[in-house]
Every structure is written in C-alpha cells, then in structure tokens.
C-alpha cells in the first residue's frame, strides 16, 4: 500500500504535492534506468524505461495543472520523507544488464504501487475535481499495469538474454 500515509491527516494541497512528487520521482528513476541500460548496451530495455518515464511526466503535468488551478504558486509544504519509493522502481531493481522481461517486471511493480497510492488517497479527497483527477490517474495506472502484462505475455520466457554474457572474466592482479 502507500507506505502508511494517512491521507485523512493531509490537506488537499499536500496530497496533490505528494502525488506530484510521486510521479516526478518515478520519472527520474525511469530516466536513470534508461541511461544505465543504454550505457550497458541494452537499448530495448532503455527504450522501455523511456516510455515509462514519459507516462510519469504526463501524470505529473496533469497533477501540476490541477494544483496550480487550486493553489496558484503557493509553496509546497508536504513532507516528502513519507514518499520514499511509493511508485519509483527500487534503485537496485534494475541491474546493469537485464532482459526486457526483467524490466517489465520492475515496471509492473511500480505501476501497482502507483495504483495503490491513488486508490488509498481517494476516500479522503473531498474536492470533486481532485477526486476525479485521482480516479483518472488510478485508472491510467491500471491500464499501464495491463499494458505491461500484455507486453510481458508476448515476451518469451527465455528472450535469449543471458546476463552472464556480460560478466568480465577475472583480471590479472
């Protein structure tokens, strides 16, 4: 679930700010993974992470627009420490060399976390417009989960990727 966040204790502005932070963190993590995968010559996995980063950016933009319409440029006051890794894939989830299937597994876990975040926030959102936005984002996360599952189902169990092919042999000391 959403790391024990008690949404009933948060203001609407703080809830929106946390959601923006969630999406921005996920976008940044996916971009980092894409760079890492590209540097290690796994372009298919890098492309997939870039696709996921673009999705997270769209979510952050929707949330930011809603926040701006309600609160203008008021300074965020939300405690970001409660956000640690709600949606973003764990830093150690992506390895230097990973298959497309493994990348899809990481993405699926992240999308499940995002769905749970929005789902947990909804009961405490009294503002109808924000509730509508969070409902839309929750449903988008559900669609992302289905997309990842569909792509994963089409990816062979053994996609010909052997991470051991990238292991350097012992070096002379």
Protein backbone atom coordinates (compact mmCIF):
# COMPACT_ATOMS: atom_id res chain seq x y z
CA UNK A 1 0.00 0.00 0.00
CA UNK A 2 1.10 3.62 0.16
CA UNK A 3 3.74 3.31 2.83
CA UNK A 4 1.34 4.03 5.67
CA UNK A 5 0.36 7.54 4.55
CA UNK A 6 -2.69 8.75 6.45
CA UNK A 7 -4.39 10.82 3.78
CA UNK A 8 -7.10 11.92 6.22
CA UNK A 9 -4.43 13.95 8.03
CA UNK A 10 -3.21 15.74 4.89
CA UNK A 11 -4.52 18.92 3.33
CA UNK A 12 -5.68 18.82 -0.27
CA UNK A 13 -2.63 20.84 -1.28
CA UNK A 14 -0.28 18.42 0.49
CA UNK A 15 -1.99 15.43 -1.13
CA UNK A 16 -1.56 16.99 -4.56
CA UNK A 17 2.04 17.88 -3.80
CA UNK A 18 2.79 14.32 -2.71
CA UNK A 19 1.20 12.95 -5.87
CA UNK A 20 3.34 15.29 -7.99
CA UNK A 21 6.45 14.19 -6.12
CA UNK A 22 5.49 10.53 -6.62
CA UNK A 23 5.23 10.99 -10.38
CA UNK A 24 8.39 13.11 -10.64
CA UNK A 25 10.40 10.58 -8.62
CA UNK A 26 9.19 7.73 -10.82
CA UNK A 27 10.03 9.70 -13.99
CA UNK A 28 13.53 10.48 -12.75
CA UNK A 29 14.17 6.88 -11.72
CA UNK A 30 12.98 5.54 -15.07
CA UNK A 31 15.22 8.06 -16.85
CA UNK A 32 18.19 6.96 -14.72
CA UNK A 33 17.47 3.34 -15.55
CA UNK A 34 17.22 4.17 -19.27
CA UNK A 35 20.64 5.82 -19.20
CA UNK A 36 22.08 2.89 -17.28
CA UNK A 37 20.65 0.37 -19.76
CA UNK A 38 21.91 2.38 -22.73
CA UNK A 39 25.40 2.64 -21.24
CA UNK A 40 25.45 -1.13 -20.91
CA UNK A 41 24.19 -1.76 -24.44
CA UNK A 42 20.68 -2.95 -23.64
CA UNK A 43 18.77 -0.49 -25.88
CA UNK A 44 15.43 -2.36 -25.80
CA UNK A 45 15.29 -2.08 -22.05
CA UNK A 46 16.40 1.57 -22.21
CA UNK A 47 13.61 2.33 -24.69
CA UNK A 48 11.05 0.71 -22.42
CA UNK A 49 12.19 2.78 -19.41
CA UNK A 50 12.00 5.97 -21.52
CA UNK A 51 8.42 5.07 -22.44
CA UNK A 52 7.59 4.65 -18.75
CA UNK A 53 9.28 7.97 -17.89
CA UNK A 54 7.13 9.75 -20.49
CA UNK A 55 4.00 8.31 -18.87
CA UNK A 56 5.06 9.53 -15.44
CA UNK A 57 5.76 13.00 -16.85
CA UNK A 58 2.21 13.19 -18.25
CA UNK A 59 0.81 12.31 -14.83
CA UNK A 60 2.97 14.95 -13.10
CA UNK A 61 1.84 17.57 -15.62
CA UNK A 62 -1.86 16.80 -15.01
CA UNK A 63 -1.37 17.00 -11.26
CA UNK A 64 0.64 20.22 -11.51
CA UNK A 65 -2.07 21.86 -13.61
CA UNK A 66 -4.73 20.90 -11.06
CA UNK A 67 -2.57 22.13 -8.19
CA UNK A 68 -1.90 25.45 -9.94
CA UNK A 69 -5.61 25.99 -10.61
CA UNK A 70 -6.41 25.46 -6.93
CA UNK A 71 -3.40 26.89 -5.14
CA UNK A 72 -1.52 29.06 -7.62
CA UNK A 73 2.14 29.28 -6.75
CA UNK A 74 1.82 28.58 -3.03
CA UNK A 75 4.96 26.93 -1.71
CA UNK A 76 4.67 23.16 -1.17
CA UNK A 77 4.67 22.13 2.48
CA UNK A 78 4.19 18.35 2.12
CA UNK A 79 6.64 16.12 3.96
CA UNK A 80 8.38 14.24 1.17
CA UNK A 81 10.01 11.78 3.57
CA UNK A 82 6.80 9.75 3.56
CA UNK A 83 7.11 9.22 -0.18
CA UNK A 84 10.21 7.08 -0.30
CA UNK A 85 9.78 4.72 -3.23
CA UNK A 86 6.00 4.72 -3.44
CA UNK A 87 5.96 4.40 -7.21
CA UNK A 88 9.51 4.61 -8.43
CA UNK A 89 11.25 1.33 -9.00
CA UNK A 90 13.78 0.47 -6.31
CA UNK A 91 17.27 1.68 -7.19
CA UNK A 92 18.59 -1.88 -7.09
CA UNK A 93 15.68 -3.29 -9.14
CA UNK A 94 17.41 -2.52 -12.44
CA UNK A 95 20.71 -4.16 -12.95
CA UNK A 96 23.44 -3.14 -15.34
CA UNK A 97 22.38 -5.91 -17.71
CA UNK A 98 18.80 -7.02 -17.63
CA UNK A 99 16.35 -8.53 -20.05
CA UNK A 100 13.25 -6.86 -21.39
CA UNK A 101 11.22 -9.32 -19.31
CA UNK A 102 13.05 -8.29 -16.13
CA UNK A 103 12.46 -4.61 -16.98
CA UNK A 104 8.77 -5.34 -17.43
CA UNK A 105 8.68 -6.97 -14.00
CA UNK A 106 10.20 -3.84 -12.45
CA UNK A 107 7.73 -1.61 -14.28
CA UNK A 108 4.77 -3.73 -13.21
CA UNK A 109 5.74 -3.48 -9.54
CA UNK A 110 6.00 0.31 -9.88
CA UNK A 111 2.62 0.65 -11.55
CA UNK A 112 0.99 -1.47 -8.84
CA UNK A 113 2.46 0.86 -6.20
CA UNK A 114 1.12 3.90 -8.06
CA UNK A 115 -2.34 2.39 -8.35
CA UNK A 116 -2.35 1.69 -4.61
CA UNK A 117 -1.22 5.27 -3.84
CA UNK A 118 -4.12 6.83 -5.75
CA UNK A 119 -6.59 4.25 -4.50
CA UNK A 120 -5.63 4.92 -0.88
CA UNK A 121 -5.92 8.70 -1.32
CA UNK A 122 -9.37 8.71 -2.95
CA UNK A 123 -11.56 8.15 0.13
CA UNK A 124 -10.15 11.27 1.79
CA UNK A 125 -10.44 13.64 -1.18
CA UNK A 126 -13.46 15.88 -0.72
CA UNK A 127 -12.71 18.16 -3.69
CA UNK A 128 -14.66 16.69 -6.63
CA UNK A 129 -12.18 17.85 -9.28
CA UNK A 130 -9.17 16.41 -7.47
CA UNK A 131 -11.11 13.23 -6.74
CA UNK A 132 -11.90 12.98 -10.46
CA UNK A 133 -8.22 13.51 -11.36
CA UNK A 134 -7.01 10.91 -8.86
CA UNK A 135 -9.64 8.47 -10.15
CA UNK A 136 -8.41 9.06 -13.72
CA UNK A 137 -4.78 8.59 -12.67
CA UNK A 138 -5.64 5.43 -10.74
CA UNK A 139 -7.35 4.07 -13.85
CA UNK A 140 -4.37 5.07 -16.01
CA UNK A 141 -2.12 3.15 -13.64
CA UNK A 142 -4.46 0.16 -14.03
CA UNK A 143 -4.17 0.48 -17.82
CA UNK A 144 -0.39 0.71 -17.51
CA UNK A 145 -0.42 -2.49 -15.45
CA UNK A 146 -2.46 -4.21 -18.18
CA UNK A 147 -0.16 -2.85 -20.90
CA UNK A 148 2.90 -4.14 -19.09
CA UNK A 149 1.21 -7.52 -18.57
CA UNK A 150 0.29 -7.70 -22.28
CA UNK A 151 3.81 -6.87 -23.39
CA UNK A 152 5.21 -9.29 -20.84
CA UNK A 153 2.92 -12.07 -22.09
CA UNK A 154 4.31 -11.55 -25.61
CA UNK A 155 7.89 -11.62 -24.37
CA UNK A 156 9.35 -15.11 -24.46
CA UNK A 157 10.24 -16.62 -21.11
CA UNK A 158 13.73 -17.10 -22.50
CA UNK A 159 14.23 -13.96 -24.54
CA UNK A 160 17.76 -15.01 -25.43
CA UNK A 161 19.24 -12.69 -22.85
CA UNK A 162 21.95 -14.11 -20.66
CA UNK A 163 23.37 -11.61 -18.17
CA UNK A 164 26.38 -13.91 -17.75
CA UNK A 165 27.46 -12.95 -21.28
CA UNK A 166 28.29 -9.51 -19.89
CA UNK A 167 30.39 -10.68 -16.97
CA UNK A 168 34.07 -9.85 -17.29
CA UNK A 169 36.49 -12.64 -16.66
CA UNK A 170 38.96 -12.43 -13.84
CA UNK A 171 41.63 -9.77 -14.31
CA UNK A 172 45.30 -10.26 -13.60
CA UNK A 173 46.40 -8.54 -10.45
